[in-house]
Amino acid sequence: MLDHLELRTRRMDECVAFYAAVLEPLGYALVVNGPSKGFGHEGRLDFWLAEGEPSRDVHFAFTAPDRPTVDTAYARIAAAGGAPNRAPALAPHLHPNYYAGYALDPDGRLVEFVSHGEK
């Protein structure tokens, strides 16, 4: 349904470093390094950072192919300048295989890494 997401930040360098580190296990890389920063995966540019006043009451999730990838992304949070929020765990109230970990990015937004698979 969504084509792309753009977030505004006043901490561009910190946010770029954070997202580059935590999205790498999911196959994302910084593809556009201009005034706006674009992260891509499998030929798509679907995550952007731009200068501006950040919105803090935002929650978004990145899909991981499996639970170990969720764990790897989550393990990189603190070293990448973010703050762990909730350790990866199953959330069976959503569905039996919903496995997610949560972090706060450098602007305080809630970022989720989720896998819907059995492993």
Protein backbone atom coordinates (compact mmCIF):
# COMPACT_ATOMS: atom_id res chain seq x y z
CA MET A 1 0.00 0.00 0.00
CA LEU A 2 2.78 2.49 0.83
CA ASP A 3 5.29 3.43 -1.82
CA HIS A 4 7.78 5.18 0.45
CA LEU A 5 8.24 6.89 3.81
CA GLU A 6 10.09 10.15 4.44
CA LEU A 7 11.03 11.30 7.93
CA ARG A 8 12.28 14.74 8.87
CA THR A 9 15.21 15.23 11.23
CA ARG A 10 17.45 17.93 12.68
CA ARG A 11 20.06 15.23 13.43
CA MET A 12 20.79 14.04 9.90
CA ASP A 13 24.24 12.55 10.48
CA GLU A 14 23.09 10.64 13.55
CA CYS A 15 19.94 9.36 11.83
CA VAL A 16 21.81 8.30 8.70
CA ALA A 17 24.33 6.38 10.82
CA PHE A 18 21.55 4.77 12.86
CA TYR A 19 19.46 3.64 9.90
CA ALA A 20 22.49 2.51 7.88
CA ALA A 21 23.51 0.21 10.76
CA VAL A 22 20.13 -1.23 11.72
CA LEU A 23 18.77 -1.61 8.18
CA GLU A 24 21.85 -3.32 6.74
CA PRO A 25 20.77 -6.77 8.06
CA LEU A 26 17.47 -6.28 6.21
CA GLY A 27 19.32 -5.64 2.94
CA TYR A 28 18.94 -1.84 2.90
CA ALA A 29 21.72 0.55 1.97
CA LEU A 30 22.07 4.31 1.54
CA VAL A 31 21.53 4.80 -2.20
CA VAL A 32 20.88 8.56 -2.50
CA ASN A 33 23.25 10.78 -0.53
CA GLY A 34 22.05 14.26 -1.47
CA PRO A 35 20.14 16.85 0.57
CA SER A 36 17.62 14.05 1.21
CA LYS A 37 18.99 10.61 2.03
CA GLY A 38 17.36 7.61 0.38
CA PHE A 39 17.69 4.03 1.55
CA GLY A 40 16.93 1.25 -0.88
CA HIS A 41 16.36 -2.47 -1.00
CA GLU A 42 15.98 -4.72 -4.04
CA GLY A 43 15.87 -1.83 -6.51
CA ARG A 44 13.36 0.24 -4.51
CA LEU A 45 13.97 3.55 -2.77
CA ASP A 46 11.35 3.42 -0.07
CA PHE A 47 12.83 5.05 3.03
CA TRP A 48 13.99 8.69 3.12
CA LEU A 49 15.41 11.19 5.59
CA ALA A 50 15.12 14.94 5.00
CA GLU A 51 16.10 18.02 7.00
CA GLY A 52 13.26 19.48 9.04
CA GLU A 53 11.38 19.39 12.29
CA PRO A 54 10.97 15.74 13.32
CA SER A 55 7.62 14.22 14.13
CA ARG A 56 7.99 12.18 17.29
CA ASP A 57 4.66 10.42 17.62
CA VAL A 58 5.43 8.02 14.81
CA HIS A 59 5.61 4.22 14.84
CA PHE A 60 6.70 2.28 11.79
CA ALA A 61 8.00 -1.22 11.13
CA PHE A 62 10.54 -2.77 8.81
CA THR A 63 9.89 -6.34 7.68
CA ALA A 64 12.67 -8.82 8.32
CA PRO A 65 12.84 -12.15 6.48
CA ASP A 66 13.23 -14.16 9.70
CA ARG A 67 13.65 -13.94 13.47
CA PRO A 68 17.48 -14.01 13.47
CA THR A 69 17.44 -10.89 11.26
CA VAL A 70 15.16 -9.14 13.77
CA ASP A 71 17.65 -10.09 16.49
CA THR A 72 20.61 -8.79 14.45
CA ALA A 73 18.95 -5.45 13.72
CA TYR A 74 17.94 -5.08 17.37
CA ALA A 75 21.47 -5.89 18.56
CA ARG A 76 22.82 -2.91 16.58
CA ILE A 77 20.51 -0.28 18.10
CA ALA A 78 22.60 1.08 20.97
CA ALA A 79 25.90 1.09 19.06
CA ALA A 80 24.15 2.94 16.22
CA GLY A 81 22.93 5.79 18.45
CA GLY A 82 19.43 4.55 19.15
CA ALA A 83 17.79 3.32 22.34
CA PRO A 84 16.41 -0.19 22.81
CA ASN A 85 12.70 -0.06 23.62
CA ARG A 86 11.41 -3.66 23.72
CA ALA A 87 13.55 -6.73 23.13
CA PRO A 88 12.54 -9.09 20.34
CA ALA A 89 9.74 -11.42 21.38
CA LEU A 90 6.67 -13.15 20.07
CA ALA A 91 3.42 -11.18 20.18
CA PRO A 92 0.81 -13.95 19.87
CA HIS A 93 -2.00 -11.48 20.58
CA LEU A 94 -1.30 -10.10 17.06
CA HIS A 95 -0.78 -13.52 15.44
CA PRO A 96 1.09 -16.71 16.41
CA ASN A 97 4.28 -15.89 14.46
CA TYR A 98 4.50 -12.12 15.05
CA TYR A 99 8.09 -11.65 16.27
CA ALA A 100 9.27 -8.08 16.80
CA GLY A 101 11.85 -5.89 18.50
CA TYR A 102 11.49 -2.15 19.07
CA ALA A 103 13.86 0.81 19.31
CA LEU A 104 13.83 4.58 19.51
CA ASP A 105 15.77 6.29 16.74
CA PRO A 106 17.95 9.37 17.44
CA ASP A 107 14.85 11.60 17.16
CA GLY A 108 12.83 9.42 19.56
CA ARG A 109 10.58 7.74 16.98
CA LEU A 110 9.43 4.16 17.61
CA VAL A 111 11.02 1.82 15.06
CA GLU A 112 9.98 -1.82 14.86
CA PHE A 113 11.72 -4.77 13.20
CA VAL A 114 9.26 -7.60 12.55
CA SER A 115 9.14 -11.07 11.08
CA HIS A 116 5.91 -12.93 10.39
CA GLY A 117 7.53 -16.30 9.71
CA GLU A 118 7.70 -19.41 11.87
CA LYS A 119 11.48 -19.13 12.37
